Amino acid sequence: MSSGGEVTEERMVPMETKTIAIAEQQTLLREGIRKIIDLEPDLKVCATADNEEDLREAVLTLRPSAVVVDTSLHADGGIDLTAWIKERRPETKVILFATDIDEDDLLQSIAAGANGFLLKDIQWDDLLMQIRLVLKGQMFLPERLAAKLSNKLFRILTGERYGTRHVQSLLERFRLTEKEFEISLLMAKGLNNRQIAEALMYSDGTVRNYVSSVYEKIGVHDRAKAVIFLRDSGFQGKDETPGVLTARERVSIL
């Protein structure tokens, strides 16, 4: 109400409704997701399907804001379907719905244009939250899949720099885990524990534990000797050469 006694009408801004298409082979799961989504005022299921062909038709005719796709609809885990949707309806968000996804399929799905991933053991509240995140333009990746992606990218990047066979031989020779190998590479560069922790976003304690494990596996228990050993053993890039530590390096790694 204004100071002059006049009533000011406030107009409600209509909430934009996002439409969702669901493709899931299991009827109970498909209907459960539909009912949960349709309870939300800002979300509406515009189509459901139990096969790839019906989903393709829904994408073309209904132009949903997002599609939730069961990866078991096709042997390739939904990779080709994701690429097909993105080619014809690039504005539609593609969310892959899976029991699990292996590293290769995960990377290929992202390359094909997948906007998010949901695991089938997800809680209903989390499902709605994560669908909304994807609709807002954010990529969502469950922690378990994020760890797989990190490991896959690590192997790709280290393979490019150090040579895939070389990396594999070092892992096998010293029985290192991938995280221990990552720590070893940074140790070989002369980084101290604090610098490694900052580079990898680990806690200091986590880095100390990994370093201790590396010491044990390579049979060296002195930091300077460990760095020289790692360099001489091949823990350096193709453009780097092994050698003794400089005086500055000896100080910095302590």
Protein backbone atom coordinates (compact mmCIF):
# COMPACT_ATOMS: atom_id res chain seq x y z
CA MET A 1 0.00 0.00 0.00
CA SER A 2 1.33 3.48 -0.92
CA SER A 3 1.45 6.47 1.47
CA GLY A 4 -1.65 7.92 -0.22
CA GLY A 5 -3.71 4.91 0.71
CA GLU A 6 -3.76 3.42 -2.78
CA VAL A 7 -3.39 -0.33 -3.10
CA THR A 8 -0.53 -1.38 -5.35
CA GLU A 9 -1.11 -4.66 -7.14
CA GLU A 10 1.90 -6.98 -7.14
CA ARG A 11 2.05 -9.34 -10.06
CA MET A 12 3.42 -12.79 -9.54
CA VAL A 13 6.17 -13.63 -11.99
CA PRO A 14 5.22 -16.95 -13.58
CA MET A 15 7.67 -19.75 -12.89
CA GLU A 16 9.27 -21.16 -16.01
CA THR A 17 8.54 -24.86 -16.32
CA LYS A 18 11.31 -27.09 -17.63
CA THR A 19 10.24 -30.19 -19.52
CA ILE A 20 11.89 -33.55 -19.03
CA ALA A 21 11.80 -36.67 -21.21
CA ILE A 22 12.63 -39.96 -19.50
CA ALA A 23 13.95 -43.04 -21.27
CA GLU A 24 14.25 -45.99 -18.88
CA GLN A 25 13.71 -49.68 -19.54
CA GLN A 26 12.44 -50.56 -16.06
CA THR A 27 8.78 -49.59 -15.75
CA LEU A 28 8.76 -49.10 -11.97
CA LEU A 29 11.83 -46.90 -12.05
CA ARG A 30 10.60 -44.91 -15.04
CA GLU A 31 7.20 -44.27 -13.46
CA GLY A 32 8.78 -43.48 -10.10
CA ILE A 33 10.97 -40.79 -11.63
CA ARG A 34 8.00 -39.39 -13.56
CA LYS A 35 5.85 -39.09 -10.45
CA ILE A 36 8.62 -37.46 -8.42
CA ILE A 37 9.37 -34.90 -11.14
CA ASP A 38 5.72 -34.08 -11.77
CA LEU A 39 5.27 -33.13 -8.11
CA GLU A 40 7.64 -30.20 -8.67
CA PRO A 41 6.09 -26.87 -9.76
CA ASP A 42 9.01 -25.98 -12.03
CA LEU A 43 9.46 -29.37 -13.70
CA LYS A 44 7.19 -31.45 -15.90
CA VAL A 45 7.68 -34.78 -17.64
CA CYS A 46 6.69 -34.31 -21.27
CA ALA A 47 7.41 -37.87 -22.42
CA THR A 48 8.45 -41.30 -21.20
CA ALA A 49 9.93 -44.10 -23.25
CA ASP A 50 11.33 -47.57 -22.77
CA ASN A 51 13.29 -47.62 -26.01
CA GLU A 52 15.63 -45.47 -28.05
CA GLU A 53 13.29 -44.93 -31.02
CA ASP A 54 10.48 -43.42 -28.94
CA LEU A 55 12.94 -41.12 -27.19
CA ARG A 56 14.31 -39.88 -30.52
CA GLU A 57 10.77 -39.03 -31.65
CA ALA A 58 10.07 -37.18 -28.39
CA VAL A 59 13.27 -35.17 -28.72
CA LEU A 60 12.40 -34.09 -32.26
CA THR A 61 8.73 -33.28 -31.68
CA LEU A 62 8.61 -32.03 -28.08
CA ARG A 63 12.02 -30.35 -27.73
CA PRO A 64 12.42 -31.19 -24.02
CA SER A 65 14.63 -29.06 -21.80
CA ALA A 66 16.42 -32.22 -20.69
CA VAL A 67 16.38 -35.96 -21.25
CA VAL A 68 17.22 -38.60 -18.65
CA VAL A 69 18.60 -41.57 -20.56
CA ASP A 70 19.06 -45.10 -19.26
CA THR A 71 22.51 -46.14 -20.52
CA SER A 72 21.35 -49.74 -20.92
CA LEU A 73 19.05 -48.74 -23.80
CA HIS A 74 21.97 -49.43 -26.14
CA ALA A 75 25.12 -51.50 -25.98
CA ASP A 76 27.31 -48.40 -26.35
CA GLY A 77 25.99 -46.92 -23.10
CA GLY A 78 24.11 -44.06 -24.73
CA ILE A 79 27.12 -42.47 -26.42
CA ASP A 80 25.71 -42.45 -29.97
CA LEU A 81 22.28 -41.38 -28.71
CA THR A 82 23.85 -38.49 -26.80
CA ALA A 83 25.70 -37.34 -29.93
CA TRP A 84 22.50 -37.68 -31.99
CA ILE A 85 20.48 -35.55 -29.55
CA LYS A 86 23.18 -32.88 -29.35
CA GLU A 87 23.44 -32.69 -33.13
CA ARG A 88 19.70 -32.16 -33.61
CA ARG A 89 18.71 -30.40 -30.38
CA PRO A 90 21.90 -28.85 -28.94
CA GLU A 91 19.89 -26.90 -26.37
CA THR A 92 18.53 -30.11 -24.80
CA LYS A 93 20.49 -31.25 -21.75
CA VAL A 94 21.43 -34.93 -21.78
CA ILE A 95 21.64 -36.69 -18.41
CA LEU A 96 22.85 -40.29 -18.51
CA PHE A 97 21.31 -42.60 -15.92
CA ALA A 98 23.34 -45.69 -15.05
CA THR A 99 24.13 -48.33 -12.48
CA ASP A 100 27.78 -47.63 -13.25
CA ILE A 101 29.87 -46.33 -16.15
CA ASP A 102 33.40 -47.42 -17.01
CA GLU A 103 36.16 -44.90 -17.62
CA ASP A 104 36.21 -45.15 -21.41
CA ASP A 105 32.43 -44.78 -21.79
CA LEU A 106 32.47 -41.89 -19.32
CA LEU A 107 35.06 -39.97 -21.31
CA GLN A 108 33.36 -40.72 -24.64
CA SER A 109 29.97 -39.67 -23.25
CA ILE A 110 31.36 -36.31 -22.18
CA ALA A 111 32.99 -35.89 -25.60
CA ALA A 112 29.62 -36.69 -27.21
CA GLY A 113 28.01 -33.87 -25.24
CA ALA A 114 26.55 -35.41 -22.07
CA ASN A 115 25.68 -32.70 -19.54
CA GLY A 116 25.40 -34.82 -16.43
CA PHE A 117 25.38 -38.29 -14.95
CA LEU A 118 23.13 -39.90 -12.36
CA LEU A 119 23.67 -43.25 -10.66
CA LYS A 120 20.66 -45.46 -10.04
CA ASP A 121 21.28 -45.70 -6.29
CA ILE A 122 20.60 -41.97 -5.97
CA GLN A 123 18.11 -40.58 -3.44
CA TRP A 124 15.03 -38.88 -4.89
CA ASP A 125 15.84 -35.48 -3.36
CA ASP A 126 19.35 -35.62 -4.79
CA LEU A 127 17.98 -36.60 -8.20
CA LEU A 128 15.82 -33.48 -8.36
CA MET A 129 18.64 -31.25 -7.15
CA GLN A 130 21.08 -32.62 -9.70
CA ILE A 131 18.61 -32.36 -12.58
CA ARG A 132 18.12 -28.70 -11.68
CA LEU A 133 21.88 -28.13 -11.60
CA VAL A 134 22.20 -29.51 -15.12
CA LEU A 135 19.27 -27.40 -16.31
CA LYS A 136 21.12 -24.34 -14.99
CA GLY A 137 24.07 -25.20 -17.19
CA GLN A 138 26.29 -27.00 -14.71
CA MET A 139 27.93 -30.34 -15.41
CA PHE A 140 27.11 -32.85 -12.68
CA LEU A 141 29.30 -35.87 -12.02
CA PRO A 142 28.84 -38.14 -8.98
CA GLU A 143 31.93 -38.48 -6.81
CA ARG A 144 32.48 -42.11 -7.83
CA LEU A 145 32.47 -41.21 -11.51
CA ALA A 146 34.58 -38.10 -10.94
CA ALA A 147 37.29 -40.32 -9.44
CA LYS A 148 37.14 -42.60 -12.49
CA LEU A 149 37.41 -39.63 -14.84
CA SER A 150 40.35 -38.23 -12.90
CA ASN A 151 42.19 -41.55 -13.13
CA LYS A 152 41.48 -41.85 -16.85
CA LEU A 153 42.67 -38.33 -17.63
CA PHE A 154 45.75 -38.86 -15.48
CA ARG A 155 46.72 -41.93 -17.50
CA ILE A 156 46.08 -40.14 -20.78
CA LEU A 157 48.10 -37.06 -19.86
CA THR A 158 51.00 -38.93 -18.30
CA GLY A 159 50.99 -41.34 -21.24
CA GLU A 160 51.32 -38.44 -23.68
CA ARG A 161 54.17 -36.87 -21.77
CA TYR A 162 56.07 -39.90 -20.56
CA GLY A 163 54.96 -42.57 -23.02
CA THR A 164 52.22 -45.07 -22.16
CA ARG A 165 54.55 -48.08 -22.10
CA HIS A 166 57.05 -46.20 -19.97
CA VAL A 167 54.39 -45.23 -17.44
CA GLN A 168 53.09 -48.79 -17.27
CA SER A 169 56.57 -50.20 -16.79
CA LEU A 170 57.23 -47.82 -13.88
CA LEU A 171 53.90 -48.67 -12.25
CA GLU A 172 54.64 -52.38 -12.51
CA ARG A 173 58.32 -52.16 -11.59
CA PHE A 174 57.76 -50.31 -8.33
CA ARG A 175 54.21 -51.60 -7.65
CA LEU A 176 52.94 -48.02 -7.40
CA THR A 177 49.33 -46.99 -7.34
CA GLU A 178 48.34 -44.21 -9.73
CA LYS A 179 48.27 -41.70 -6.87
CA GLU A 180 51.72 -42.79 -5.71
CA PHE A 181 52.97 -42.43 -9.27
CA GLU A 182 51.52 -38.92 -9.42
CA ILE A 183 53.28 -38.03 -6.16
CA SER A 184 56.53 -39.54 -7.46
CA LEU A 185 56.42 -37.38 -10.59
CA LEU A 186 56.12 -34.23 -8.50
CA MET A 187 58.84 -35.40 -6.12
CA ALA A 188 61.11 -35.95 -9.13
CA LYS A 189 60.48 -32.33 -10.12
CA GLY A 190 61.85 -31.22 -6.75
CA LEU A 191 58.57 -30.20 -5.12
CA ASN A 192 58.35 -30.47 -1.35
CA ASN A 193 55.33 -31.89 0.49
CA ARG A 194 53.62 -28.53 0.91
CA GLN A 195 53.96 -27.72 -2.79
CA ILE A 196 52.66 -31.17 -3.75
CA ALA A 197 49.68 -30.73 -1.43
CA GLU A 198 48.86 -27.38 -3.03
CA ALA A 199 49.28 -28.72 -6.56
CA LEU A 200 47.02 -31.74 -6.00
CA MET A 201 44.68 -30.13 -3.44
CA TYR A 202 45.53 -32.82 -0.88
CA SER A 203 46.01 -32.37 2.83
CA ASP A 204 49.57 -32.31 4.15
CA GLY A 205 48.90 -35.55 6.00
CA THR A 206 47.70 -37.30 2.84
CA VAL A 207 50.84 -36.27 0.97
CA ARG A 208 53.06 -37.46 3.84
CA ASN A 209 51.36 -40.85 3.77
CA TYR A 210 51.84 -41.19 0.00
CA VAL A 211 55.47 -40.09 0.22
CA SER A 212 56.15 -42.64 2.97
CA SER A 213 54.61 -45.34 0.82
CA VAL A 214 56.76 -44.30 -2.16
CA TYR A 215 59.88 -44.40 0.03
CA GLU A 216 59.05 -47.92 1.11
CA LYS A 217 58.41 -49.16 -2.42
CA ILE A 218 61.56 -47.69 -3.97
CA GLY A 219 63.69 -48.65 -0.96
CA VAL A 220 65.00 -45.15 -0.22
CA HIS A 221 64.29 -43.22 2.97
CA ASP A 222 66.05 -39.91 2.37
CA ARG A 223 64.22 -37.21 0.38
CA ALA A 224 67.21 -36.00 -1.66
CA LYS A 225 68.26 -39.57 -2.47
CA ALA A 226 64.66 -40.44 -3.32
CA VAL A 227 64.41 -37.56 -5.80
CA ILE A 228 67.67 -38.54 -7.50
CA PHE A 229 66.58 -42.19 -7.57
CA LEU A 230 63.23 -41.28 -9.13
CA ARG A 231 64.87 -39.13 -11.78
CA ASP A 232 67.43 -41.77 -12.62
CA SER A 233 64.65 -44.38 -12.79
CA GLY A 234 62.74 -42.46 -15.45
CA PHE A 235 60.26 -40.32 -13.52
CA GLN A 236 60.67 -37.35 -15.83
CA GLY A 237 59.14 -36.17 -19.07
CA LYS A 238 60.51 -36.79 -22.53
CA ASP A 239 62.02 -33.30 -22.55
CA GLU A 240 63.64 -33.67 -19.14
CA THR A 241 66.87 -35.41 -18.23
CA PRO A 242 67.90 -37.11 -14.99
CA GLY A 243 70.69 -35.62 -12.96
CA VAL A 244 71.93 -34.55 -9.57
CA LEU A 245 70.09 -31.97 -7.51
CA THR A 246 71.07 -28.34 -7.56
CA ALA A 247 71.78 -26.62 -4.26
CA ARG A 248 68.46 -24.74 -4.50
CA GLU A 249 66.56 -27.98 -5.08
CA ARG A 250 68.22 -29.62 -2.09
CA VAL A 251 66.93 -26.80 0.10
CA SER A 252 63.43 -26.55 -1.44
CA ILE A 253 62.49 -30.21 -1.08
CA LEU A 254 63.31 -30.37 2.62
